[in-house]
C-alpha atoms as a PDB file:
ATOM      1  CA  MET A   1      -4.620  -5.857 -14.929  1.00  0.00           C
ATOM      2  CA  LYS A   2      -7.301  -5.975 -12.236  1.00  0.00           C
ATOM      3  CA  ASN A   3      -7.109  -3.157  -9.716  1.00  0.00           C
ATOM      4  CA  SER A   4      -6.412  -3.996  -6.068  1.00  0.00           C
ATOM      5  CA  THR A   5      -9.365  -3.928  -3.684  1.00  0.00           C
ATOM      6  CA  HIS A   6      -7.331  -4.953  -0.633  1.00  0.00           C
ATOM      7  CA  PRO A   7      -7.377  -2.306   2.142  1.00  0.00           C
ATOM      8  CA  LEU A   8      -4.142  -0.440   2.708  1.00  0.00           C
ATOM      9  CA  ARG A   9      -3.259  -1.020   6.373  1.00  0.00           C
ATOM     10  CA  LYS A  10       0.526  -1.604   6.544  1.00  0.00           C
ATOM     11  CA  ALA A  11       3.511   0.738   6.262  1.00  0.00           C
ATOM     12  CA  ILE A  12       7.264   0.238   5.878  1.00  0.00           C
ATOM     13  CA  ILE A  13       9.962   2.651   7.059  1.00  0.00           C
ATOM     14  CA  PRO A  14      13.548   1.724   6.108  1.00  0.00           C
ATOM     15  CA  ALA A  15      15.868   2.914   8.893  1.00  0.00           C
ATOM     16  CA  ALA A  16      18.982   0.792   8.434  1.00  0.00           C
ATOM     17  CA  GLY A  17      21.274   3.330   6.783  1.00  0.00           C
ATOM     18  CA  PHE A  18      24.383   4.662   8.471  1.00  0.00           C
ATOM     19  CA  GLY A  19      23.636   8.338   7.908  1.00  0.00           C
ATOM     20  CA  THR A  20      26.936   9.002   6.148  1.00  0.00           C
ATOM     21  CA  ARG A  21      26.091  12.622   5.372  1.00  0.00           C
ATOM     22  CA  LEU A  22      25.425  13.373   9.041  1.00  0.00           C
ATOM     23  CA  PHE A  23      28.669  11.850  10.349  1.00  0.00           C
ATOM     24  CA  PRO A  24      30.005  12.161  13.046  1.00  0.00           C
ATOM     25  CA  ALA A  25      26.615  12.798  14.709  1.00  0.00           C
ATOM     26  CA  THR A  26      25.416   9.412  13.436  1.00  0.00           C
ATOM     27  CA  LYS A  27      28.322   7.688  15.180  1.00  0.00           C
ATOM     28  CA  ALA A  28      26.593   8.696  18.423  1.00  0.00           C
ATOM     29  CA  VAL A  29      22.893   8.750  17.455  1.00  0.00           C
ATOM     30  CA  LYS A  30      21.005   6.856  14.771  1.00  0.00           C
ATOM     31  CA  LYS A  31      19.915   9.213  11.982  1.00  0.00           C
ATOM     32  CA  GLU A  32      16.269   8.288  12.505  1.00  0.00           C
ATOM     33  CA  LEU A  33      16.523   9.123  16.211  1.00  0.00           C
ATOM     34  CA  LEU A  34      17.883  12.637  15.751  1.00  0.00           C
ATOM     35  CA  PRO A  35      15.412  15.104  17.294  1.00  0.00           C
ATOM     36  CA  ILE A  36      12.986  17.474  15.643  1.00  0.00           C
ATOM     37  CA  ILE A  37      10.375  19.751  17.228  1.00  0.00           C
ATOM     38  CA  ASP A  38       6.780  19.477  16.033  1.00  0.00           C
ATOM     39  CA  ARG A  39       4.176  22.245  15.767  1.00  0.00           C
ATOM     40  CA  GLN A  40       3.040  21.556  19.339  1.00  0.00           C
ATOM     41  CA  GLY A  41       6.570  22.152  20.608  1.00  0.00           C
ATOM     42  CA  ARG A  42       7.194  18.503  21.465  1.00  0.00           C
ATOM     43  CA  VAL A  43      10.747  17.267  20.896  1.00  0.00           C
ATOM     44  CA  LYS A  44      10.703  13.834  19.321  1.00  0.00           C
ATOM     45  CA  PRO A  45      12.922  11.541  17.241  1.00  0.00           C
ATOM     46  CA  THR A  46      12.361  11.767  13.498  1.00  0.00           C
ATOM     47  CA  ILE A  47      11.183   8.154  13.303  1.00  0.00           C
ATOM     48  CA  LEU A  48       8.304   8.922  15.675  1.00  0.00           C
ATOM     49  CA  ALA A  49       7.065  11.749  13.435  1.00  0.00           C
ATOM     50  CA  ILE A  50       7.096   9.347  10.471  1.00  0.00           C
ATOM     51  CA  VAL A  51       5.233   6.625  12.384  1.00  0.00           C
ATOM     52  CA  GLU A  52       2.637   9.198  13.479  1.00  0.00           C
ATOM     53  CA  GLU A  53       2.237  10.313   9.854  1.00  0.00           C
ATOM     54  CA  ALA A  54       1.459   6.709   8.925  1.00  0.00           C
ATOM     55  CA  ILE A  55      -1.063   6.327  11.731  1.00  0.00           C
ATOM     56  CA  THR A  56      -2.929   9.446  10.559  1.00  0.00           C
ATOM     57  CA  ALA A  57      -3.581   7.586   7.302  1.00  0.00           C
ATOM     58  CA  GLY A  58      -5.325   4.718   9.078  1.00  0.00           C
ATOM     59  CA  ILE A  59      -2.294   2.436   9.030  1.00  0.00           C
ATOM     60  CA  GLU A  60      -2.614  -0.375  11.586  1.00  0.00           C
ATOM     61  CA  GLU A  61       0.858  -1.945  11.455  1.00  0.00           C
ATOM     62  CA  VAL A  62       4.278  -0.380  10.832  1.00  0.00           C
ATOM     63  CA  ALA A  63       7.506  -2.258  10.020  1.00  0.00           C
ATOM     64  CA  ILE A  64      10.781  -0.438  10.669  1.00  0.00           C
ATOM     65  CA  ILE A  65      13.758  -1.917   8.798  1.00  0.00           C
ATOM     66  CA  ILE A  66      16.861  -1.710  10.998  1.00  0.00           C
ATOM     67  CA  GLN A  67      20.475  -2.854  11.127  1.00  0.00           C
ATOM     68  CA  PRO A  68      21.543  -5.909  13.122  1.00  0.00           C
ATOM     69  CA  GLY A  69      22.258  -4.733  16.637  1.00  0.00           C
ATOM     70  CA  ASP A  70      19.886  -1.750  16.539  1.00  0.00           C
ATOM     71  CA  ALA A  71      16.830  -3.574  17.875  1.00  0.00           C
ATOM     72  CA  PRO A  72      17.497  -2.708  21.548  1.00  0.00           C
ATOM     73  CA  ILE A  73      17.608   1.024  20.700  1.00  0.00           C
ATOM     74  CA  PHE A  74      14.247   1.001  18.899  1.00  0.00           C
ATOM     75  CA  GLU A  75      12.650  -1.429  21.365  1.00  0.00           C
ATOM     76  CA  SER A  76      13.711   0.809  24.229  1.00  0.00           C
ATOM     77  CA  PHE A  77      11.996   3.795  22.660  1.00  0.00           C
ATOM     78  CA  PHE A  78       8.806   2.221  21.318  1.00  0.00           C
ATOM     79  CA  LYS A  79       8.180  -0.757  23.555  1.00  0.00           C
ATOM     80  CA  THR A  80       9.861  -0.369  26.958  1.00  0.00           C
ATOM     81  CA  PRO A  81       7.974   1.559  29.670  1.00  0.00           C
ATOM     82  CA  LEU A  82       9.772   4.306  31.561  1.00  0.00           C
ATOM     83  CA  ASN A  83      11.099   3.268  34.932  1.00  0.00           C
ATOM     84  CA  PRO A  84       8.849   4.539  37.759  1.00  0.00           C
ATOM     85  CA  ILE A  85      11.381   7.133  38.952  1.00  0.00           C
ATOM     86  CA  HIS A  86      11.518   8.864  35.556  1.00  0.00           C
ATOM     87  CA  TYR A  87       7.798   8.393  34.915  1.00  0.00           C
ATOM     88  CA  ASN A  88       6.859  10.130  38.179  1.00  0.00           C
ATOM     89  CA  LYS A  89       8.974  13.156  37.244  1.00  0.00           C
ATOM     90  CA  LEU A  90       6.838  13.793  34.149  1.00  0.00           C
ATOM     91  CA  SER A  91       3.950  16.236  33.958  1.00  0.00           C
ATOM     92  CA  PRO A  92       0.494  14.630  33.720  1.00  0.00           C
ATOM     93  CA  GLU A  93       0.490  15.544  30.042  1.00  0.00           C
ATOM     94  CA  ASN A  94       3.781  13.773  29.410  1.00  0.00           C
ATOM     95  CA  GLN A  95       2.718  10.779  31.498  1.00  0.00           C
ATOM     96  CA  ALA A  96      -0.243  10.451  29.138  1.00  0.00           C
ATOM     97  CA  TYR A  97       2.132  10.744  26.180  1.00  0.00           C
ATOM     98  CA  SER A  98       4.259   7.981  27.665  1.00  0.00           C
ATOM     99  CA  HIS A  99       1.214   5.690  27.631  1.00  0.00           C
ATOM    100  CA  TYR A 100       0.478   6.779  24.064  1.00  0.00           C
ATOM    101  CA  LEU A 101       3.998   5.682  23.067  1.00  0.00           C
ATOM    102  CA  GLN A 102       3.435   2.268  24.617  1.00  0.00           C
ATOM    103  CA  ASP A 103       0.208   1.870  22.651  1.00  0.00           C
ATOM    104  CA  LEU A 104       1.982   2.984  19.477  1.00  0.00           C
ATOM    105  CA  GLY A 105       4.745   0.441  20.100  1.00  0.00           C
ATOM    106  CA  GLN A 106       2.236  -2.391  19.861  1.00  0.00           C
ATOM    107  CA  LYS A 107       1.727  -1.501  16.206  1.00  0.00           C
ATOM    108  CA  ILE A 108       5.435  -1.636  15.370  1.00  0.00           C
ATOM    109  CA  THR A 109       7.460  -4.589  14.103  1.00  0.00           C
ATOM    110  CA  LEU A 110      11.242  -4.387  13.779  1.00  0.00           C
ATOM    111  CA  LEU A 111      12.737  -6.183  10.762  1.00  0.00           C
ATOM    112  CA  ILE A 112      16.477  -6.746  10.286  1.00  0.00           C
ATOM    113  CA  GLN A 113      18.390  -5.881   7.102  1.00  0.00           C
ATOM    114  CA  GLU A 114      21.466  -8.063   7.557  1.00  0.00           C
ATOM    115  CA  VAL A 115      23.562  -6.183   4.980  1.00  0.00           C
ATOM    116  CA  GLN A 116      23.048  -2.620   3.789  1.00  0.00           C
ATOM    117  CA  GLU A 117      22.799  -2.843   0.004  1.00  0.00           C
ATOM    118  CA  GLY A 118      20.515   0.022  -0.926  1.00  0.00           C
ATOM    119  CA  TYR A 119      16.993   1.341  -0.466  1.00  0.00           C
ATOM    120  CA  GLY A 120      15.468  -1.311  -2.724  1.00  0.00           C
ATOM    121  CA  HIS A 121      17.232  -4.059  -0.782  1.00  0.00           C
ATOM    122  CA  ALA A 122      15.915  -2.637   2.498  1.00  0.00           C
ATOM    123  CA  VAL A 123      12.346  -2.646   1.191  1.00  0.00           C
ATOM    124  CA  SER A 124      12.743  -6.248   0.008  1.00  0.00           C
ATOM    125  CA  CYS A 125      13.380  -7.315   3.616  1.00  0.00           C
ATOM    126  CA  ALA A 126       9.702  -6.654   4.380  1.00  0.00           C
ATOM    127  CA  LYS A 127       8.278  -8.989   1.722  1.00  0.00           C
ATOM    128  CA  ASP A 128       7.155 -11.764   4.086  1.00  0.00           C
ATOM    129  CA  TRP A 129       5.814  -9.260   6.623  1.00  0.00           C
ATOM    130  CA  VAL A 130       3.747  -7.477   3.949  1.00  0.00           C
ATOM    131  CA  ASN A 131       2.272 -10.852   2.948  1.00  0.00           C
ATOM    132  CA  GLN A 132       0.837  -9.881  -0.437  1.00  0.00           C
ATOM    133  CA  GLU A 133      -0.948  -6.762   0.834  1.00  0.00           C
ATOM    134  CA  PRO A 134      -0.555  -3.247  -0.574  1.00  0.00           C
ATOM    135  CA  PHE A 135       1.441  -0.968   1.694  1.00  0.00           C
ATOM    136  CA  LEU A 136       2.656   2.565   2.302  1.00  0.00           C
ATOM    137  CA  LEU A 137       6.389   3.149   2.008  1.00  0.00           C
ATOM    138  CA  PHE A 138       8.138   6.119   3.629  1.00  0.00           C
ATOM    139  CA  LEU A 139      11.643   7.485   3.414  1.00  0.00           C
ATOM    140  CA  GLY A 140      13.326   7.168   6.791  1.00  0.00           C
ATOM    141  CA  ASP A 141      14.769  10.659   6.808  1.00  0.00           C
ATOM    142  CA  HIS A 142      11.836  12.842   5.741  1.00  0.00           C
ATOM    143  CA  VAL A 143       8.951  14.344   7.731  1.00  0.00           C
ATOM    144  CA  TYR A 144       5.784  15.879   6.358  1.00  0.00           C
ATOM    145  CA  LEU A 145       3.322  18.696   6.939  1.00  0.00           C
ATOM    146  CA  SER A 146      -0.003  18.937   5.162  1.00  0.00           C
ATOM    147  CA  ASP A 147      -1.420  22.195   3.800  1.00  0.00           C
ATOM    148  CA  THR A 148      -4.925  20.869   4.511  1.00  0.00           C
ATOM    149  CA  ASP A 149      -6.743  19.166   7.376  1.00  0.00           C
ATOM    150  CA  VAL A 150      -5.879  15.807   5.787  1.00  0.00           C
ATOM    151  CA  SER A 151      -2.363  14.507   6.421  1.00  0.00           C
ATOM    152  CA  CYS A 152      -0.037  13.949   3.463  1.00  0.00           C
ATOM    153  CA  ALA A 153      -0.106  10.165   3.929  1.00  0.00           C
ATOM    154  CA  HIS A 154      -3.892  10.145   4.213  1.00  0.00           C
ATOM    155  CA  GLN A 155      -4.216  12.132   0.964  1.00  0.00           C
ATOM    156  CA  LEU A 156      -2.195   9.418  -0.801  1.00  0.00           C
ATOM    157  CA  VAL A 157      -4.198   6.586   0.762  1.00  0.00           C
ATOM    158  CA  GLU A 158      -7.445   8.196  -0.390  1.00  0.00           C
ATOM    159  CA  VAL A 159      -6.122   8.349  -3.962  1.00  0.00           C
ATOM    160  CA  TYR A 160      -4.871   4.745  -3.820  1.00  0.00           C
ATOM    161  CA  ASN A 161      -8.216   3.532  -2.501  1.00  0.00           C
ATOM    162  CA  ARG A 162      -9.944   5.284  -5.381  1.00  0.00           C
ATOM    163  CA  LEU A 163      -7.598   4.013  -8.114  1.00  0.00           C
ATOM    164  CA  GLY A 164      -6.501   0.605  -6.796  1.00  0.00           C
ATOM    165  CA  LYS A 165      -3.036   0.862  -8.370  1.00  0.00           C
ATOM    166  CA  SER A 166       0.409   1.840  -7.146  1.00  0.00           C
ATOM    167  CA  THR A 167       0.489   5.586  -6.604  1.00  0.00           C
ATOM    168  CA  VAL A 168       3.467   7.828  -5.902  1.00  0.00           C
ATOM    169  CA  ALA A 169       3.196  11.066  -3.927  1.00  0.00           C
ATOM    170  CA  LEU A 170       4.724  13.907  -5.945  1.00  0.00           C
ATOM    171  CA  THR A 171       6.012  17.414  -5.466  1.00  0.00           C
ATOM    172  CA  VAL A 172       7.324  20.124  -7.785  1.00  0.00           C
ATOM    173  CA  THR A 173      11.121  20.502  -7.802  1.00  0.00           C
ATOM    174  CA  PRO A 174      13.293  23.034  -9.668  1.00  0.00           C
ATOM    175  CA  GLY A 175      15.578  21.637 -12.346  1.00  0.00           C
ATOM    176  CA  GLU A 176      18.804  22.342 -10.476  1.00  0.00           C
ATOM    177  CA  GLU A 177      17.737  19.958  -7.672  1.00  0.00           C
ATOM    178  CA  ILE A 178      16.466  16.931  -9.593  1.00  0.00           C
ATOM    179  CA  TYR A 179      19.892  15.272  -9.871  1.00  0.00           C
ATOM    180  CA  HIS A 180      19.258  13.656  -6.458  1.00  0.00           C
ATOM    181  CA  CYS A 181      15.511  12.922  -6.919  1.00  0.00           C
ATOM    182  CA  GLY A 182      13.307  10.293  -8.456  1.00  0.00           C
ATOM    183  CA  CYS A 183      11.504  12.101 -11.302  1.00  0.00           C
ATOM    184  CA  VAL A 184       8.347  11.200 -13.251  1.00  0.00           C
ATOM    185  CA  THR A 185       6.333  12.238 -16.244  1.00  0.00           C
ATOM    186  CA  GLY A 186       2.900  11.298 -17.538  1.00  0.00           C
ATOM    187  CA  ASN A 187      -0.519  12.467 -18.593  1.00  0.00           C
ATOM    188  CA  TRP A 188      -2.973  14.346 -16.401  1.00  0.00           C
ATOM    189  CA  GLN A 189      -6.341  12.833 -15.565  1.00  0.00           C
ATOM    190  CA  ASP A 190      -9.231  13.729 -13.289  1.00  0.00           C
ATOM    191  CA  ASN A 191      -9.057  17.535 -13.582  1.00  0.00           C
ATOM    192  CA  GLU A 192      -5.233  17.456 -13.473  1.00  0.00           C
ATOM    193  CA  GLU A 193      -5.099  15.962  -9.981  1.00  0.00           C
ATOM    194  CA  ILE A 194      -3.968  12.492 -11.002  1.00  0.00           C
ATOM    195  CA  LEU A 195      -1.013  11.816 -13.290  1.00  0.00           C
ATOM    196  CA  SER A 196      -0.990   8.549 -15.241  1.00  0.00           C
ATOM    197  CA  LEU A 197       2.749   7.879 -15.258  1.00  0.00           C
ATOM    198  CA  THR A 198       4.601   7.123 -18.476  1.00  0.00           C
ATOM    199  CA  GLU A 199       8.118   7.094 -16.975  1.00  0.00           C
ATOM    200  CA  VAL A 200       9.772   6.865 -13.555  1.00  0.00           C
ATOM    201  CA  CYS A 201      13.407   7.942 -13.712  1.00  0.00           C
ATOM    202  CA  GLU A 202      16.063   7.824 -10.973  1.00  0.00           C
ATOM    203  CA  LYS A 203      18.130  11.014 -10.542  1.00  0.00           C
ATOM    204  CA  PRO A 204      18.069  12.300 -14.141  1.00  0.00           C
ATOM    205  CA  ASP A 205      20.368  15.036 -15.357  1.00  0.00           C
ATOM    206  CA  LEU A 206      18.747  18.285 -16.414  1.00  0.00           C
ATOM    207  CA  ASP A 207      19.262  17.724 -20.143  1.00  0.00           C
ATOM    208  CA  TYR A 208      17.453  14.369 -19.991  1.00  0.00           C
ATOM    209  CA  ALA A 209      14.647  15.859 -17.876  1.00  0.00           C
ATOM    210  CA  ARG A 210      14.137  18.739 -20.298  1.00  0.00           C
ATOM    211  CA  LYS A 211      13.905  16.311 -23.207  1.00  0.00           C
ATOM    212  CA  TYR A 212      11.836  13.477 -21.709  1.00  0.00           C
ATOM    213  CA  LEU A 213      10.317  14.408 -18.333  1.00  0.00           C
ATOM    214  CA  LYS A 214       8.337  17.590 -18.934  1.00  0.00           C
ATOM    215  CA  VAL A 215       4.766  17.589 -17.604  1.00  0.00           C
ATOM    216  CA  ALA A 216       1.959  19.728 -19.006  1.00  0.00           C
ATOM    217  CA  GLY A 217       1.255  22.769 -16.858  1.00  0.00           C
ATOM    218  CA  LEU A 218       4.756  23.055 -15.375  1.00  0.00           C
ATOM    219  CA  THR A 219       6.561  25.943 -17.018  1.00  0.00           C
ATOM    220  CA  GLY A 220      10.305  26.538 -17.072  1.00  0.00           C
ATOM    221  CA  ASP A 221      12.708  24.087 -15.482  1.00  0.00           C
ATOM    222  CA  ARG A 222      10.235  22.599 -13.010  1.00  0.00           C
ATOM    223  CA  PHE A 223       9.567  18.881 -12.725  1.00  0.00           C
ATOM    224  CA  LEU A 224       7.498  16.430 -10.708  1.00  0.00           C
ATOM    225  CA  THR A 225       9.618  14.417  -8.292  1.00  0.00           C
ATOM    226  CA  VAL A 226       9.058  11.854  -5.576  1.00  0.00           C
ATOM    227  CA  PHE A 227       7.685  13.384  -2.373  1.00  0.00           C
ATOM    228  CA  GLY A 228       8.821  10.518  -0.140  1.00  0.00           C
ATOM    229  CA  ILE A 229       5.646   8.466   0.345  1.00  0.00           C
ATOM    230  CA  TYR A 230       4.509   5.620  -1.929  1.00  0.00           C
ATOM    231  CA  ALA A 231       1.355   3.483  -1.950  1.00  0.00           C
ATOM    232  CA  LEU A 232       2.465   0.248  -3.591  1.00  0.00           C
ATOM    233  CA  THR A 233       1.051  -3.103  -4.572  1.00  0.00           C
ATOM    234  CA  PRO A 234       3.115  -6.153  -3.530  1.00  0.00           C
ATOM    235  CA  THR A 235       4.136  -6.618  -7.170  1.00  0.00           C
ATOM    236  CA  ILE A 236       7.172  -4.451  -6.372  1.00  0.00           C
ATOM    237  CA  PHE A 237       8.688  -7.381  -4.450  1.00  0.00           C
ATOM    238  CA  ASP A 238       8.777  -9.552  -7.598  1.00  0.00           C
ATOM    239  CA  TYR A 239      11.056  -7.029  -9.292  1.00  0.00           C
ATOM    240  CA  LEU A 240      13.159  -6.344  -6.205  1.00  0.00           C
ATOM    241  CA  GLU A 241      13.771 -10.075  -5.779  1.00  0.00           C
ATOM    242  CA  ALA A 242      14.646 -10.492  -9.463  1.00  0.00           C
ATOM    243  CA  ASN A 243      17.159  -7.642  -9.325  1.00  0.00           C
ATOM    244  CA  ILE A 244      18.776  -9.061  -6.192  1.00  0.00           C
ATOM    245  CA  ARG A 245      18.830 -12.592  -7.588  1.00  0.00           C
ATOM    246  CA  ASN A 246      20.458 -11.378 -10.814  1.00  0.00           C
ATOM    247  CA  ASN A 247      22.771  -8.926  -9.017  1.00  0.00           C
ATOM    248  CA  LEU A 248      21.389  -5.974 -10.999  1.00  0.00           C
ATOM    249  CA  ARG A 249      22.806  -3.013  -9.079  1.00  0.00           C
ATOM    250  CA  GLU A 250      23.035   0.694  -9.773  1.00  0.00           C
ATOM    251  CA  LYS A 251      26.003   2.508  -8.264  1.00  0.00           C
ATOM    252  CA  GLY A 252      26.699  -0.650  -6.292  1.00  0.00           C
ATOM    253  CA  GLU A 253      23.258  -0.892  -4.683  1.00  0.00           C
ATOM    254  CA  TYR A 254      19.787  -2.301  -5.332  1.00  0.00           C
ATOM    255  CA  GLN A 255      17.550   0.676  -6.092  1.00  0.00           C
ATOM    256  CA  LEU A 256      13.815   1.067  -5.679  1.00  0.00           C
ATOM    257  CA  THR A 257      13.155   3.426  -8.577  1.00  0.00           C
ATOM    258  CA  THR A 258      14.230   0.885 -11.204  1.00  0.00           C
ATOM    259  CA  CYS A 259      11.634  -1.529  -9.858  1.00  0.00           C
ATOM    260  CA  LEU A 260       8.976   1.203  -9.683  1.00  0.00           C
ATOM    261  CA  GLU A 261       9.450   1.690 -13.410  1.00  0.00           C
ATOM    262  CA  GLN A 262       9.040  -2.059 -13.938  1.00  0.00           C
ATOM    263  CA  VAL A 263       5.808  -2.061 -11.907  1.00  0.00           C
ATOM    264  CA  ARG A 264       4.590   0.899 -13.958  1.00  0.00           C
ATOM    265  CA  GLN A 265       5.226  -1.003 -17.168  1.00  0.00           C
ATOM    266  CA  SER A 266       3.536  -4.192 -15.951  1.00  0.00           C
ATOM    267  CA  GLU A 267       0.397  -2.912 -14.215  1.00  0.00           C
ATOM    268  CA  GLY A 268       0.321   0.879 -14.506  1.00  0.00           C
ATOM    269  CA  MET A 269       1.077   3.531 -11.893  1.00  0.00           C
ATOM    270  CA  TYR A 270      -0.278   6.912 -10.893  1.00  0.00           C
ATOM    271  CA  GLY A 271       1.165  10.028  -9.343  1.00  0.00           C
ATOM    272  CA  TYR A 272      -0.549  12.506  -7.068  1.00  0.00           C
ATOM    273  CA  GLN A 273       0.757  15.980  -6.232  1.00  0.00           C
ATOM    274  CA  ILE A 274       0.464  16.162  -2.461  1.00  0.00           C
ATOM    275  CA  LYS A 275      -0.993  19.269  -0.867  1.00  0.00           C
ATOM    276  CA  GLY A 276       1.768  19.650   1.652  1.00  0.00           C
ATOM    277  CA  ARG A 277       5.498  19.855   2.229  1.00  0.00           C
ATOM    278  CA  CYS A 278       8.243  17.327   2.928  1.00  0.00           C
ATOM    279  CA  PHE A 279      11.300  18.115   5.032  1.00  0.00           C
ATOM    280  CA  ASP A 280      14.654  16.383   4.631  1.00  0.00           C
ATOM    281  CA  THR A 281      16.582  15.447   7.771  1.00  0.00           C
ATOM    282  CA  GLY A 282      19.324  13.506   6.013  1.00  0.00           C
ATOM    283  CA  MET A 283      21.760  16.300   5.166  1.00  0.00           C
ATOM    284  CA  PRO A 284      23.300  18.883   7.529  1.00  0.00           C
ATOM    285  CA  ASP A 285      21.884  22.096   6.067  1.00  0.00           C
ATOM    286  CA  ALA A 286      18.536  20.488   5.217  1.00  0.00           C
ATOM    287  CA  TYR A 287      18.292  19.104   8.767  1.00  0.00           C
ATOM    288  CA  TYR A 288      19.042  22.527  10.197  1.00  0.00           C
ATOM    289  CA  GLN A 289      16.297  24.112   8.055  1.00  0.00           C
ATOM    290  CA  THR A 290      13.859  21.306   8.905  1.00  0.00           C
ATOM    291  CA  PHE A 291      14.500  21.919  12.588  1.00  0.00           C
ATOM    292  CA  ILE A 292      13.228  25.485  12.081  1.00  0.00           C
ATOM    293  CA  ASP A 293      10.505  25.012   9.473  1.00  0.00           C
ATOM    294  CA  PHE A 294       8.850  21.875  10.904  1.00  0.00           C
ATOM    295  CA  ARG A 295       8.410  23.611  14.261  1.00  0.00           C
ATOM    296  CA  GLN A 296       6.869  26.672  12.635  1.00  0.00           C
ATOM    297  CA  GLY A 297       4.507  24.543  10.564  1.00  0.00           C
END
């Protein structure tokens, strides 16, 4: 299979879930609009931190997948200027940030997921918008901090540009936590920085992981799991569409990981252990800890 030479300039952020685990807060506020505080002390909705992460990687256009009826909320934040009364109350610094938000909004497209049938289904809604280009895919309830001067998303883009194949950002996770993670295994290449994947597995149990998902260099019950950012070729849409057309669901929903494994089998896939940390905002205790840790950097 020929490697992709198309530049990676688009990103997708699914944001159409209900936020069941954060109910009743999500009855009042969309999960992706819940606030966090960044290292500069600026309070912002989670979705803004994710969009900014994408922009640091050189992404030019961002599609946010939303529920029917949510467009006015996101348009108000990203695309509608402040009214003059509120604008004039801001400090000069925040007035400048208000203009920055307007500029950022021009890069954002809102796409509707008419029915909520899983993460894979949400991603499939962006097929026409992606238009046969490779793209970055983010989780809608995770934020990221790099341990280097290069952002987490930019690290992944650099690897994708070098390899030209779908590449998954990875992190090390203890065995007792992998039951809710996508998990991979493979063979190290390039001085053990790049993993050529031989399996992508959705939420394995520990016994299966110990038997089939061990990776050289990781001792004890430690495994490589999905970090929350993917650089993907558009081939993924072929498998998402096939699963939807044939009603191939897992736990009642159309999943992404199953299709990642199919892409791996058809054209190969790499993993890259990101030099950084991801923070979950989708569960109460994790959100609480993210609120503290993301601010402290």
